[in-house]
Protein backbone atom coordinates (compact mmCIF):
# COMPACT_ATOMS: atom_id res chain seq x y z
CA MET A 1 38.16 7.73 81.29
CA ARG A 2 36.25 5.06 82.96
CA ARG A 3 33.11 5.87 85.46
CA LYS A 4 33.20 4.64 88.73
CA LEU A 5 29.51 2.73 89.95
CA ILE A 6 28.33 4.77 92.35
CA ASN A 7 25.67 2.80 93.48
CA LYS A 8 26.39 -0.53 94.07
CA GLU A 9 22.73 -1.45 95.09
CA LEU A 10 21.03 -1.29 91.50
CA PRO A 11 18.72 -4.06 90.64
CA GLU A 12 20.11 -7.02 88.55
CA ASP A 13 17.27 -6.80 85.72
CA TYR A 14 18.58 -2.75 85.63
CA ILE A 15 22.27 -3.85 85.24
CA ALA A 16 21.55 -6.65 82.97
CA GLU A 17 18.99 -4.72 80.98
CA GLU A 18 21.84 -1.60 80.40
CA THR A 19 24.87 -4.09 80.28
CA SER A 20 22.89 -5.78 77.01
CA LYS A 21 22.10 -2.12 75.41
CA ILE A 22 25.72 -1.13 75.73
CA TYR A 23 26.99 -4.41 73.92
CA LEU A 24 24.43 -4.15 71.52
CA GLU A 25 25.21 -0.36 70.45
CA ARG A 26 29.12 -0.89 70.45
CA PHE A 27 29.27 -4.33 68.96
CA ALA A 28 26.08 -5.66 67.24
CA LYS A 29 25.79 -4.32 63.78
CA PRO A 30 24.29 -7.67 61.85
CA SER A 31 24.18 -6.06 58.45
CA GLU A 32 27.66 -5.56 58.66
CA ILE A 33 29.18 -8.77 59.80
CA ALA A 34 28.39 -11.81 57.43
CA LYS A 35 29.35 -14.29 60.31
CA THR A 36 29.46 -13.84 64.35
CA ILE A 37 30.15 -17.15 66.84
CA CYS A 38 29.55 -16.29 69.98
CA PHE A 39 30.90 -18.52 72.70
CA TYR A 40 29.69 -18.47 75.82
CA SER A 41 29.19 -20.45 79.13
CA ASP A 42 26.23 -21.30 81.62
CA ASN A 43 27.85 -20.50 84.73
CA ASP A 44 29.86 -17.37 84.19
CA PRO A 45 30.46 -15.80 87.69
CA TYR A 46 30.35 -12.26 86.19
CA VAL A 47 27.44 -12.18 83.44
CA LYS A 48 24.43 -14.11 83.65
CA TYR A 49 23.24 -17.20 81.54
CA GLU A 50 20.26 -15.15 80.42
CA VAL A 51 22.47 -12.03 79.73
CA GLU A 52 24.77 -14.11 77.40
CA LYS A 53 21.98 -15.75 75.81
CA GLU A 54 19.90 -13.06 74.87
CA PHE A 55 22.89 -11.09 73.56
CA ALA A 56 23.62 -14.28 71.49
CA ASP A 57 20.38 -14.16 70.25
CA LYS A 58 20.72 -10.95 68.85
CA VAL A 59 24.06 -10.49 67.51
CA ALA A 60 25.01 -13.98 66.30
CA THR A 61 24.79 -16.42 63.18
CA GLU A 62 25.70 -19.18 65.10
CA GLN A 63 25.99 -20.00 69.25
CA ILE A 64 28.00 -22.62 71.12
CA LEU A 65 27.51 -23.07 74.88
CA LEU A 66 30.39 -24.52 76.68
CA ARG A 67 28.86 -25.78 79.68
CA GLY A 68 30.68 -25.26 83.24
CA ALA A 69 33.25 -22.93 81.33
CA GLY A 70 32.99 -20.17 83.99
CA HIS A 71 34.31 -16.54 82.67
CA ILE A 72 35.97 -18.21 79.80
CA ASN A 73 39.32 -17.03 80.79
CA ALA A 74 42.70 -18.38 82.59
CA GLU A 75 40.99 -18.12 85.55
CA SER A 76 38.90 -20.43 84.53
CA GLY A 77 41.15 -22.58 82.72
CA PHE A 78 40.84 -21.12 79.30
CA ASP A 79 44.59 -20.32 78.79
CA THR A 80 44.49 -21.42 75.21
CA PHE A 81 40.93 -21.53 73.64
CA GLU A 82 41.10 -24.82 72.49
CA GLU A 83 37.18 -24.60 70.91
CA ILE A 84 38.41 -21.49 69.08
CA VAL A 85 41.20 -23.22 67.60
CA ASN A 86 39.49 -26.37 66.96
CA TYR A 87 36.47 -24.81 65.34
CA LEU A 88 38.64 -22.74 62.98
CA LYS A 89 40.88 -25.75 61.61
């Protein structure tokens, strides 16, 4: 069950900090993962660059910045994620 956001007036730094904690608690177990690659953008409209970078710094063994890629989804033109496909070749 998802919780609804009650207070839409929370400070951005609080939201960024809490989001980072949630992602790190759920996904970041560096001791259990040999290699973690983070692909992220410098102009995501939903997640600030600083939050993405901090997350990548904490969990990734390799980082790939996609300049101007937006949210890296179909809306941003990423129907097929060519960067990942090419990386894995």
